[in-house]
Amino acid sequence: MGQDPEDTSRDLERFLGDLHKELLQVVNGTKRFPDNYTIFQKYSHLFDMFLIAELGDQRTRETGEEKRRICYLHRFLQSNYPLFSVCELTDEFLEARSGISIGSCTGQMAVPSSSYLMRGVKGREERASLWDQRCRALQDLNPVLEKRLIGIHRACKEMGYDALTDLSLSVRGIDSRWLASALNNILDRTEPLYIAMLEEFLEPLSISLDEAREHDILYLLNGEQFDHMFPMDETGNSLLSAIRGMGVDLEEIRSIKMGESMSQGAAFIPITVPGDIHLLSLPTGGYLDYISHFGEAGKALQSVSVSPDIPMEYRYLGDRAIPESFSLLFQRIISTRLWLESRGKNEEIHSFRRLFYLNRMYQLRRLASILQYEMRMDTCPLSDAEDLYRSIMEENMHFSHSPEAYLIDIHLPFRSIDRLRAFVFEAMLRNALLEKFGEQWSKDTGTMEMLREIWPWGGKFELDELANSIGYAELNMEPLVEELEDRIRLI
C-alpha cells in the first residue's frame, strides 16, 4: 500500500507553498531566478509513477466527495509529472531568461510577445531593431527549450499516453474533436471584424496589414493615444475605487499582502489559500497596465474569499480556468462606459473601447492559434515545428510572425486552453450580470454578492457546474462569439 491520500494532500500543499515562495522571491527581487529543481527533488515522492497509478485506481473505486478529491489529486500529479521530469532544464531556461535585457524590459518581460516591449517606441526602425534583438535572444534559449520539450514528450510516453495532447486534454476532460471544432468556430466567426479593426488602427500608422510585423501590432495594441485616461500615479486608487464600488470591504482588501514587483504590471502569488495571498505591483501607466492590475486583483480577491474549511484539493487544485475567468471579468471594468465617463471625451471613449475589444479578439485568436499549433505538433517532426508555427500564426493572425517563438509560446504546455476556456466562461458570467444588473453591473454591489456565492468554493466545481449556477446547461461558446460578432459594432 502506498502513501495515504491525506498525506499526499498535505505534502502537495507544502510543495505548492514552497514553489510559490520561490516565485515570490523572484518577483520581489530577492532572487534573480528560482531554484525549482531543489523543491521538486524534496517532494519527488509525489511524482512517483506507482503513487499516480494507485490514485488512478482509487479514483475508479471511490464515489461522491472522496472520488472528486482523489480525482483532483490524480489529475494534478498526472499533468505535472512531465514538468517534474524536466525541472532541471526548466531552471536552466529561467536562469538564462533572467539575464536577457532588451530596451527597458528584462527577463520574462523581454521574451514573451508582450506589448510592454514596444511601449513608447514610436519609430518603426527602432521597433524592428528591438524585435530582432528578441528573436536573437530566443535563438539562444531554444536549444534548452527543445531538450525540455523532448523530455516532456518522453515523460508522457512513460505514463502511457501516445502524445502530449492526449495527456493534456485527458486531465481536463476535453474531447480533441470538440476542441478543434471550437477553435475553428472562433477563428472563422471573428475573422472579418478582426481584420477590419486591425486595418482601422493600422491606418494612422501608415502601415498596411500586408506589411505589418509583430512589433507593429504590439505597438498599436499599447494604445498610447489613450495614456492620459490611464495615468500611472492613479493605478492603485482607480483599482481600489472600482472594487469598493462593487461592494468589496476594506477588511477583504487588507487581507491581501501588497508588495513591489521587479517586473512591470502586477503579479498575484498565493502562498497559502486563503491565508497568505500576495499582490505585487509596478505601475507603468496605460490601459494594458490597468488591465494587468485589475486582472491580478480579481484573482487575489477570489483567492482570499475561498473558505479555509474546504479540503486542500478545492483550495488549490481546481480548474485553472476559474481564477482566469475572474481576472478577465475584472479587466473588463476599465472598458465600461460608467468607469470611463470621467476620463475622456465621448469620441475618445468610443475609440478606446474599440481598441479594448480588438485586444481581446487578438488575445483570443492568438490562444486559438497556439492551441492549433500544439495539437498539430504531436504529428510532425520537431525539425518542422518552426515552419508549422509561422504558417499557423500568420494564417490566423494575418500579419508576419517570427518563427523563433515556436517554443517559448508553448513552454507551459496547453496552458492556452485554460485561458481560452476562461474567456468562454467569463463571457457567460458577464451576460448573467448584464441580465441581473444591466450596464451598471460593474458598480452594483449585487455583482459582488453573486461572486461571493461562487468564490468560497474555490475550485471545487468544474466550469460546466459553474455554468449551471448562472443559468446555462453547460459551457457555451455562443455568448463569447456573439459578443465579438455583434457588440463591437454597437459601441
Protein backbone atom coordinates (compact mmCIF):
# COMPACT_ATOMS: atom_id res chain seq x y z
CA MET A 1 0.00 0.00 0.00
CA GLY A 2 1.43 3.41 -0.98
CA GLN A 3 1.05 6.82 0.62
CA ASP A 4 -2.33 7.68 2.12
CA PRO A 5 -4.28 10.29 0.08
CA GLU A 6 -4.45 12.56 3.15
CA ASP A 7 -0.65 12.50 3.43
CA THR A 8 -0.37 13.17 -0.30
CA SER A 9 -2.73 16.10 0.07
CA ARG A 10 -0.74 17.65 2.94
CA ASP A 11 2.58 17.18 1.14
CA LEU A 12 1.18 18.66 -2.04
CA GLU A 13 0.03 21.79 -0.17
CA ARG A 14 3.54 22.20 1.24
CA PHE A 15 5.04 21.64 -2.23
CA LEU A 16 2.88 24.34 -3.80
CA GLY A 17 3.63 26.73 -0.93
CA ASP A 18 7.38 26.22 -1.38
CA LEU A 19 7.14 26.75 -5.15
CA HIS A 20 5.18 29.95 -4.71
CA LYS A 21 7.56 31.26 -2.03
CA GLU A 22 10.36 30.76 -4.54
CA LEU A 23 8.37 32.65 -7.17
CA LEU A 24 7.64 35.46 -4.70
CA GLN A 25 11.36 35.96 -4.08
CA VAL A 26 11.98 36.28 -7.81
CA VAL A 27 9.11 38.71 -8.41
CA ASN A 28 10.03 40.94 -5.45
CA GLY A 29 13.71 40.96 -6.46
CA THR A 30 15.11 38.92 -3.56
CA LYS A 31 16.35 36.30 -6.06
CA ARG A 32 17.22 36.65 -9.74
CA PHE A 33 15.81 33.28 -10.77
CA PRO A 34 14.11 30.38 -8.96
CA ASP A 35 15.55 27.05 -7.80
CA ASN A 36 12.56 24.86 -8.58
CA TYR A 37 14.74 21.77 -9.04
CA THR A 38 15.58 21.57 -5.32
CA ILE A 39 11.88 21.85 -4.41
CA PHE A 40 10.84 19.17 -6.90
CA GLN A 41 13.52 16.86 -5.54
CA LYS A 42 12.37 17.48 -1.96
CA TYR A 43 8.88 16.32 -2.93
CA SER A 44 9.89 13.75 -5.54
CA HIS A 45 7.81 11.08 -3.79
CA LEU A 46 4.69 12.89 -5.02
CA PHE A 47 5.70 12.31 -8.63
CA ASP A 48 6.19 8.57 -8.26
CA MET A 49 4.54 6.56 -11.06
CA PHE A 50 3.26 3.97 -8.60
CA LEU A 51 1.59 6.64 -6.46
CA ILE A 52 -0.02 8.21 -9.53
CA ALA A 53 -1.24 4.80 -10.71
CA GLU A 54 -2.60 3.98 -7.25
CA LEU A 55 -4.51 7.27 -7.13
CA GLY A 56 -5.94 6.40 -10.54
CA ASP A 57 -7.17 3.06 -9.19
CA GLN A 58 -8.68 4.72 -6.12
CA ARG A 59 -10.36 7.28 -8.34
CA THR A 60 -12.26 4.50 -10.13
CA ARG A 61 -13.28 2.78 -6.86
CA GLU A 62 -14.47 5.77 -4.85
CA THR A 63 -17.77 7.62 -5.07
CA GLY A 64 -19.13 11.02 -4.11
CA GLU A 65 -16.97 13.64 -2.43
CA GLU A 66 -13.98 11.34 -1.92
CA LYS A 67 -13.94 10.49 -5.62
CA ARG A 68 -13.87 14.18 -6.56
CA ARG A 69 -10.98 14.92 -4.19
CA ILE A 70 -8.89 11.97 -5.41
CA CYS A 71 -9.71 12.89 -9.00
CA TYR A 72 -8.21 16.37 -8.44
CA LEU A 73 -5.10 14.92 -6.79
CA HIS A 74 -4.66 12.40 -9.60
CA ARG A 75 -5.13 14.96 -12.36
CA PHE A 76 -2.66 17.39 -10.82
CA LEU A 77 0.09 14.80 -10.40
CA GLN A 78 -0.54 13.39 -13.87
CA SER A 79 -0.31 16.77 -15.57
CA ASN A 80 2.76 17.82 -13.58
CA TYR A 81 4.75 14.58 -13.84
CA PRO A 82 6.22 15.65 -17.22
CA LEU A 83 7.24 19.02 -15.72
CA PHE A 84 8.83 17.21 -12.76
CA SER A 85 10.90 15.16 -15.20
CA VAL A 86 12.37 18.30 -16.80
CA CYS A 87 12.57 20.62 -13.75
CA GLU A 88 16.35 20.95 -14.05
CA LEU A 89 16.01 22.10 -17.67
CA THR A 90 13.23 24.48 -16.63
CA ASP A 91 15.57 26.15 -14.13
CA GLU A 92 18.28 26.35 -16.80
CA PHE A 93 15.80 28.12 -19.08
CA LEU A 94 14.61 30.50 -16.34
CA GLU A 95 18.18 31.39 -15.38
CA ALA A 96 19.07 32.13 -18.99
CA ARG A 97 15.90 34.16 -19.48
CA SER A 98 16.58 36.26 -16.37
CA GLY A 99 19.75 37.60 -17.97
CA ILE A 100 18.06 38.93 -21.11
CA SER A 101 17.73 42.69 -21.46
CA ILE A 102 16.01 44.34 -24.43
CA GLY A 103 15.29 48.04 -24.30
CA SER A 104 13.64 48.84 -20.95
CA CYS A 105 12.49 45.22 -20.45
CA THR A 106 14.44 42.48 -18.73
CA GLY A 107 14.00 38.77 -18.07
CA GLN A 108 10.48 37.48 -18.55
CA MET A 109 9.13 40.82 -19.80
CA ALA A 110 11.68 40.91 -22.62
CA VAL A 111 10.89 37.49 -24.04
CA PRO A 112 7.13 36.77 -24.40
CA SER A 113 5.07 38.52 -27.08
CA SER A 114 4.38 41.33 -24.64
CA SER A 115 3.28 44.78 -25.69
CA TYR A 116 5.40 46.20 -22.85
CA LEU A 117 8.46 45.70 -25.07
CA MET A 118 7.11 48.19 -27.61
CA ARG A 119 5.80 50.74 -25.15
CA GLY A 120 6.90 54.26 -26.09
CA VAL A 121 8.78 53.12 -29.21
CA LYS A 122 7.20 55.26 -31.91
CA GLY A 123 9.86 54.77 -34.58
CA ARG A 124 9.33 51.71 -36.74
CA GLU A 125 13.05 51.14 -37.29
CA GLU A 126 13.68 51.18 -33.54
CA ARG A 127 10.82 48.73 -33.01
CA ALA A 128 12.23 46.43 -35.68
CA SER A 129 15.65 46.57 -34.02
CA LEU A 130 14.20 45.65 -30.61
CA TRP A 131 12.21 42.82 -32.16
CA ASP A 132 15.30 41.46 -33.92
CA GLN A 133 17.11 41.50 -30.55
CA ARG A 134 14.26 39.49 -29.09
CA CYS A 135 14.49 36.96 -31.93
CA ARG A 136 18.22 36.53 -31.34
CA ALA A 137 17.57 36.03 -27.61
CA LEU A 138 15.02 33.34 -28.44
CA GLN A 139 17.52 31.60 -30.70
CA ASP A 140 19.84 31.35 -27.68
CA LEU A 141 17.05 29.96 -25.48
CA ASN A 142 15.64 27.48 -28.00
CA PRO A 143 18.24 24.69 -27.58
CA VAL A 144 17.36 24.22 -23.89
CA LEU A 145 13.64 24.59 -24.64
CA GLU A 146 13.97 21.92 -27.32
CA LYS A 147 15.65 19.49 -24.91
CA ARG A 148 12.97 20.30 -22.36
CA LEU A 149 10.13 19.64 -24.83
CA ILE A 150 11.67 16.30 -25.84
CA GLY A 151 11.82 15.37 -22.14
CA ILE A 152 8.17 16.33 -21.64
CA HIS A 153 7.09 14.14 -24.56
CA ARG A 154 9.20 11.27 -23.25
CA ALA A 155 7.51 11.53 -19.85
CA CYS A 156 4.07 11.41 -21.49
CA LYS A 157 5.03 8.13 -23.16
CA GLU A 158 6.21 6.76 -19.80
CA MET A 159 2.73 7.47 -18.44
CA GLY A 160 1.10 5.51 -21.25
CA TYR A 161 -0.09 8.41 -23.40
CA ASP A 162 0.61 8.48 -27.13
CA ALA A 163 1.21 12.24 -27.13
CA LEU A 164 1.25 15.37 -25.01
CA THR A 165 -2.10 16.40 -26.50
CA ASP A 166 -3.70 13.19 -25.23
CA LEU A 167 -2.45 13.76 -21.67
CA SER A 168 -3.26 17.48 -21.62
CA LEU A 169 -6.83 17.07 -22.86
CA SER A 170 -7.47 13.91 -20.85
CA VAL A 171 -6.69 15.52 -17.49
CA ARG A 172 -9.05 18.38 -18.39
CA GLY A 173 -11.77 16.06 -19.65
CA ILE A 174 -11.81 17.69 -23.09
CA ASP A 175 -12.52 15.90 -26.36
CA SER A 176 -9.98 16.77 -29.06
CA ARG A 177 -12.62 16.84 -31.81
CA TRP A 178 -14.77 19.27 -29.80
CA LEU A 179 -11.75 21.49 -29.19
CA ALA A 180 -10.71 21.52 -32.86
CA SER A 181 -14.27 22.44 -33.86
CA ALA A 182 -14.45 25.16 -31.21
CA LEU A 183 -11.17 26.72 -32.35
CA ASN A 184 -12.30 26.78 -35.97
CA ASN A 185 -15.60 28.35 -34.90
CA ILE A 186 -13.82 31.14 -33.00
CA LEU A 187 -11.38 31.85 -35.81
CA ASP A 188 -13.97 31.76 -38.61
CA ARG A 189 -16.60 33.91 -36.93
CA THR A 190 -14.28 36.62 -35.61
CA GLU A 191 -12.12 36.95 -38.72
CA PRO A 192 -13.96 39.65 -40.75
CA LEU A 193 -14.30 42.07 -37.84
CA TYR A 194 -10.78 41.32 -36.56
CA ILE A 195 -9.23 42.17 -39.94
CA ALA A 196 -11.34 45.32 -40.32
CA MET A 197 -10.37 46.59 -36.88
CA LEU A 198 -6.68 45.83 -37.37
CA GLU A 199 -6.76 47.86 -40.58
CA GLU A 200 -8.63 50.66 -38.78
CA PHE A 201 -5.92 51.02 -36.12
CA LEU A 202 -3.01 50.49 -38.51
CA GLU A 203 -4.16 53.29 -40.82
CA PRO A 204 -2.93 56.17 -38.58
CA LEU A 205 0.49 54.46 -38.53
CA SER A 206 0.54 54.43 -42.36
CA ILE A 207 1.09 50.65 -42.30
CA SER A 208 -0.98 48.20 -44.33
CA LEU A 209 -1.92 44.81 -42.92
CA ASP A 210 0.12 43.13 -45.66
CA GLU A 211 3.33 44.80 -44.49
CA ALA A 212 2.66 44.71 -40.73
CA ARG A 213 5.05 42.82 -38.44
CA GLU A 214 4.51 41.65 -34.87
CA HIS A 215 6.18 44.73 -33.41
CA ASP A 216 3.74 46.98 -35.30
CA ILE A 217 0.72 45.15 -33.89
CA LEU A 218 2.11 45.14 -30.34
CA TYR A 219 2.82 48.86 -30.62
CA LEU A 220 -0.70 49.73 -31.76
CA LEU A 221 -2.19 47.50 -29.04
CA ASN A 222 -0.39 49.65 -26.44
CA GLY A 223 -2.86 52.39 -27.29
CA GLU A 224 -0.55 55.19 -26.19
CA GLN A 225 -3.02 57.75 -27.56
CA PHE A 226 -5.18 56.88 -24.55
CA ASP A 227 -2.45 57.09 -21.87
CA HIS A 228 -3.93 60.28 -20.40
CA MET A 229 -7.01 58.22 -19.45
CA PHE A 230 -4.86 55.72 -17.52
CA PRO A 231 -2.21 57.70 -15.58
CA MET A 232 0.48 55.73 -13.74
CA ASP A 233 0.04 57.53 -10.43
CA GLU A 234 -3.67 56.68 -10.30
CA THR A 235 -3.45 52.93 -10.94
CA GLY A 236 -3.83 51.86 -7.31
CA ASN A 237 -6.52 54.38 -6.38
CA SER A 238 -8.51 53.59 -9.53
CA LEU A 239 -8.43 49.90 -8.73
CA LEU A 240 -9.35 50.46 -5.09
CA SER A 241 -12.24 52.74 -6.01
CA ALA A 242 -13.59 50.27 -8.56
CA ILE A 243 -13.58 47.22 -6.31
CA ARG A 244 -15.01 49.13 -3.34
CA GLY A 245 -17.78 50.34 -5.65
CA MET A 246 -18.65 46.70 -6.30
CA GLY A 247 -19.03 46.03 -2.58
CA VAL A 248 -15.59 44.81 -1.53
CA ASP A 249 -14.92 45.98 2.03
CA LEU A 250 -11.63 47.20 3.47
CA GLU A 251 -11.15 44.04 5.54
CA GLU A 252 -11.03 41.93 2.38
CA ILE A 253 -8.61 44.34 0.74
CA ARG A 254 -6.33 44.47 3.79
CA SER A 255 -6.15 40.67 3.90
CA ILE A 256 -4.15 40.78 0.65
CA LYS A 257 -0.43 41.42 1.24
CA MET A 258 0.69 44.20 -1.10
CA GLY A 259 4.28 44.49 -2.31
CA GLU A 260 6.52 45.90 -5.00
CA SER A 261 7.29 43.88 -8.12
CA MET A 262 10.51 43.95 -10.13
CA SER A 263 8.52 43.40 -13.35
CA GLN A 264 6.12 45.82 -14.98
CA GLY A 265 2.46 45.25 -14.18
CA ALA A 266 1.04 43.19 -11.34
CA ALA A 267 1.51 39.62 -10.09
CA PHE A 268 -0.78 37.52 -7.89
CA ILE A 269 1.04 34.87 -5.83
CA PRO A 270 -0.81 32.56 -3.39
CA ILE A 271 1.46 31.09 -0.71
CA THR A 272 -1.38 29.54 1.28
CA VAL A 273 -5.06 29.77 0.32
CA PRO A 274 -6.78 31.76 1.67
CA GLY A 275 -4.43 32.93 4.42
CA ASP A 276 -1.30 34.23 2.68
CA ILE A 277 -2.11 35.96 -0.61
CA HIS A 278 0.30 38.42 -2.23
CA LEU A 279 -0.34 41.05 -4.90
CA LEU A 280 2.85 42.66 -6.20
CA SER A 281 2.83 45.75 -8.36
CA LEU A 282 4.97 48.01 -10.52
CA PRO A 283 2.66 50.51 -12.25
CA THR A 284 3.72 51.97 -15.59
CA GLY A 285 0.51 53.64 -16.76
CA GLY A 286 -1.54 52.93 -19.86
CA TYR A 287 -4.55 50.71 -20.26
CA LEU A 288 -2.54 47.45 -20.53
CA ASP A 289 -1.03 48.24 -17.13
CA TYR A 290 -4.53 48.79 -15.71
CA ILE A 291 -5.63 45.50 -17.29
CA SER A 292 -2.75 43.75 -15.51
CA HIS A 293 -3.59 45.29 -12.12
CA PHE A 294 -7.36 44.80 -12.34
CA GLY A 295 -6.94 41.22 -13.59
CA GLU A 296 -4.47 40.13 -10.91
CA ALA A 297 -6.60 41.83 -8.25
CA GLY A 298 -9.56 39.74 -9.43
CA LYS A 299 -7.56 36.55 -8.86
CA ALA A 300 -6.37 37.75 -5.45
CA LEU A 301 -9.88 38.67 -4.27
CA GLN A 302 -11.23 35.30 -5.37
CA SER A 303 -8.38 33.52 -3.59
CA VAL A 304 -8.77 35.33 -0.24
CA SER A 305 -12.51 34.60 -0.38
CA VAL A 306 -12.03 30.82 -0.54
CA SER A 307 -13.29 29.10 2.59
CA PRO A 308 -10.42 27.84 4.77
CA ASP A 309 -12.61 24.90 5.79
CA ILE A 310 -12.81 23.17 2.42
CA PRO A 311 -10.26 20.45 1.50
CA MET A 312 -6.87 21.37 0.05
CA GLU A 313 -7.86 19.90 -3.34
CA TYR A 314 -10.60 22.53 -3.72
CA ARG A 315 -8.46 25.39 -2.45
CA TYR A 316 -5.54 24.67 -4.81
CA LEU A 317 -6.19 22.07 -7.49
CA GLY A 318 -9.36 23.10 -9.29
CA ASP A 319 -9.72 24.10 -12.91
CA ARG A 320 -7.06 26.71 -13.79
CA ALA A 321 -9.64 28.48 -15.94
CA ILE A 322 -11.66 29.53 -12.88
CA PRO A 323 -9.34 32.25 -11.47
CA GLU A 324 -8.55 33.33 -15.04
CA SER A 325 -12.28 33.90 -15.60
CA PHE A 326 -12.49 36.35 -12.71
CA SER A 327 -9.30 38.02 -13.89
CA LEU A 328 -10.91 38.67 -17.28
CA LEU A 329 -14.11 39.94 -15.64
CA PHE A 330 -12.23 42.49 -13.52
CA GLN A 331 -10.16 43.57 -16.53
CA ARG A 332 -13.39 44.36 -18.32
CA ILE A 333 -14.31 47.03 -15.75
CA ILE A 334 -11.99 49.55 -17.43
CA SER A 335 -13.92 49.21 -20.70
CA THR A 336 -17.32 50.10 -19.24
CA ARG A 337 -18.85 53.49 -20.01
CA LEU A 338 -19.54 54.06 -16.31
CA TRP A 339 -15.87 53.70 -15.44
CA LEU A 340 -14.67 55.71 -18.45
CA GLU A 341 -17.18 58.55 -18.40
CA SER A 342 -14.97 60.98 -16.44
CA ARG A 343 -11.73 60.01 -18.20
CA GLY A 344 -12.18 61.40 -21.70
CA LYS A 345 -14.45 62.83 -24.32
CA ASN A 346 -17.12 60.69 -25.95
CA GLU A 347 -15.13 60.14 -29.15
CA GLU A 348 -12.06 59.09 -27.13
CA ILE A 349 -14.10 56.65 -25.07
CA HIS A 350 -15.65 55.23 -28.24
CA SER A 351 -12.25 54.73 -29.87
CA PHE A 352 -10.67 53.25 -26.74
CA ARG A 353 -13.47 50.72 -26.28
CA ARG A 354 -12.90 49.55 -29.84
CA LEU A 355 -9.19 49.09 -29.10
CA PHE A 356 -10.03 47.20 -25.89
CA TYR A 357 -12.19 44.75 -27.85
CA LEU A 358 -9.59 44.48 -30.61
CA ASN A 359 -7.06 43.49 -27.96
CA ARG A 360 -9.49 40.87 -26.62
CA MET A 361 -10.01 39.50 -30.11
CA TYR A 362 -6.26 39.44 -30.69
CA GLN A 363 -5.71 37.53 -27.43
CA LEU A 364 -8.48 35.05 -28.20
CA ARG A 365 -7.32 34.36 -31.75
CA ARG A 366 -3.74 34.01 -30.55
CA LEU A 367 -4.77 31.45 -27.94
CA ALA A 368 -6.72 29.51 -30.57
CA SER A 369 -3.75 29.61 -32.95
CA ILE A 370 -1.27 28.36 -30.33
CA LEU A 371 -3.64 25.53 -29.44
CA GLN A 372 -3.95 24.52 -33.09
CA TYR A 373 -0.16 24.53 -33.29
CA GLU A 374 0.27 22.43 -30.14
CA MET A 375 -2.25 19.85 -31.33
CA ARG A 376 -0.57 19.52 -34.72
CA MET A 377 2.96 19.42 -33.30
CA ASP A 378 2.34 15.91 -31.97
CA THR A 379 2.18 14.59 -35.52
CA CYS A 380 5.11 16.46 -37.05
CA PRO A 381 8.89 16.21 -36.55
CA LEU A 382 10.40 18.84 -34.27
CA SER A 383 12.54 19.96 -37.21
CA ASP A 384 9.35 21.14 -38.96
CA ALA A 385 7.94 22.97 -35.92
CA GLU A 386 9.27 26.44 -36.80
CA ASP A 387 7.61 26.40 -40.23
CA LEU A 388 4.41 24.97 -38.76
CA TYR A 389 4.31 27.67 -36.08
CA ARG A 390 4.83 30.51 -38.52
CA SER A 391 2.30 29.21 -41.05
CA ILE A 392 -0.47 28.75 -38.46
CA MET A 393 0.17 32.09 -36.74
CA GLU A 394 0.33 34.04 -39.99
CA GLU A 395 -2.77 32.36 -41.42
CA ASN A 396 -4.84 33.12 -38.32
CA MET A 397 -3.37 36.43 -37.14
CA HIS A 398 -2.91 37.94 -40.64
CA PHE A 399 0.49 39.54 -40.15
CA SER A 400 4.12 38.43 -40.34
CA HIS A 401 5.46 36.27 -37.48
CA SER A 402 8.97 35.36 -36.38
CA PRO A 403 9.50 31.58 -36.25
CA GLU A 404 11.93 31.86 -33.32
CA ALA A 405 8.95 31.93 -30.89
CA TYR A 406 7.93 28.37 -31.79
CA LEU A 407 9.00 27.03 -28.36
CA ILE A 408 8.64 29.98 -25.97
CA ASP A 409 4.93 30.21 -26.78
CA ILE A 410 4.36 26.65 -25.56
CA HIS A 411 6.86 26.40 -22.70
CA LEU A 412 3.84 25.89 -20.40
CA PRO A 413 2.14 23.05 -22.34
CA PHE A 414 -1.51 23.61 -23.17
CA ARG A 415 -1.93 26.46 -20.68
CA SER A 416 -3.58 28.33 -23.56
CA ILE A 417 -6.60 26.06 -23.25
CA ASP A 418 -7.18 27.18 -19.66
CA ARG A 419 -7.22 30.84 -20.66
CA LEU A 420 -9.38 30.17 -23.71
CA ARG A 421 -11.97 28.37 -21.58
CA ALA A 422 -11.76 31.29 -19.14
CA PHE A 423 -12.72 33.65 -21.98
CA VAL A 424 -15.73 31.43 -22.69
CA PHE A 425 -16.95 31.29 -19.07
CA GLU A 426 -16.27 34.98 -18.41
CA ALA A 427 -18.49 35.96 -21.35
CA MET A 428 -21.27 33.76 -19.92
CA LEU A 429 -20.80 35.28 -16.46
CA ARG A 430 -20.89 38.81 -17.82
CA ASN A 431 -24.11 38.00 -19.71
CA ALA A 432 -25.64 36.80 -16.44
CA LEU A 433 -24.53 40.01 -14.70
CA LEU A 434 -25.98 42.14 -17.51
CA GLU A 435 -29.32 40.36 -17.23
CA LYS A 436 -29.45 40.99 -13.46
CA PHE A 437 -27.89 44.42 -13.12
CA GLY A 438 -27.71 45.92 -16.60
CA GLU A 439 -24.82 48.06 -17.79
CA GLN A 440 -24.25 49.17 -14.17
CA TRP A 441 -23.04 45.68 -13.15
CA SER A 442 -19.50 46.96 -12.50
CA LYS A 443 -20.79 49.42 -9.88
CA ASP A 444 -23.54 47.29 -8.37
CA THR A 445 -22.92 45.59 -5.02
CA GLY A 446 -25.14 42.77 -6.28
CA THR A 447 -22.28 41.74 -8.56
CA MET A 448 -20.05 41.05 -5.59
CA GLU A 449 -22.87 39.22 -3.81
CA MET A 450 -23.21 36.96 -6.84
CA LEU A 451 -19.45 36.35 -6.98
CA ARG A 452 -19.38 35.58 -3.25
CA GLU A 453 -21.75 32.69 -3.90
CA ILE A 454 -19.07 31.14 -6.13
CA TRP A 455 -15.76 32.21 -4.58
CA PRO A 456 -15.84 30.36 -1.20
CA TRP A 457 -15.91 27.02 -3.04
CA GLY A 458 -12.54 27.66 -4.66
CA GLY A 459 -12.01 25.16 -7.45
CA LYS A 460 -14.40 22.51 -6.19
CA PHE A 461 -16.77 22.81 -9.13
CA GLU A 462 -15.91 22.32 -12.79
CA LEU A 463 -16.72 25.07 -15.29
CA ASP A 464 -19.78 23.17 -16.54
CA GLU A 465 -21.08 23.05 -12.96
CA LEU A 466 -20.45 26.77 -12.51
CA ALA A 467 -22.26 27.37 -15.79
CA ASN A 468 -25.32 25.67 -14.26
CA SER A 469 -25.20 28.09 -11.33
CA ILE A 470 -25.54 31.12 -13.62
CA GLY A 471 -28.29 29.73 -15.83
CA TYR A 472 -26.52 27.73 -18.56
CA ALA A 473 -26.78 23.99 -19.20
CA GLU A 474 -23.05 23.72 -19.93
CA LEU A 475 -20.00 25.69 -21.02
CA ASN A 476 -21.34 27.60 -24.02
CA MET A 477 -19.21 29.43 -26.57
CA GLU A 478 -22.06 31.45 -28.10
CA PRO A 479 -22.03 34.40 -25.63
CA LEU A 480 -18.33 34.97 -26.36
CA VAL A 481 -18.54 34.72 -30.14
CA GLU A 482 -21.80 36.64 -30.36
CA GLU A 483 -20.30 39.46 -28.32
CA LEU A 484 -17.30 39.70 -30.61
CA GLU A 485 -19.51 39.50 -33.70
CA ASP A 486 -22.20 41.93 -32.63
CA ARG A 487 -21.41 44.03 -29.58
CA ILE A 488 -18.36 45.80 -31.02
CA ARG A 489 -20.48 47.08 -33.88
CA LEU A 490 -22.80 48.71 -31.32
CA ILE A 491 -20.07 50.60 -29.43
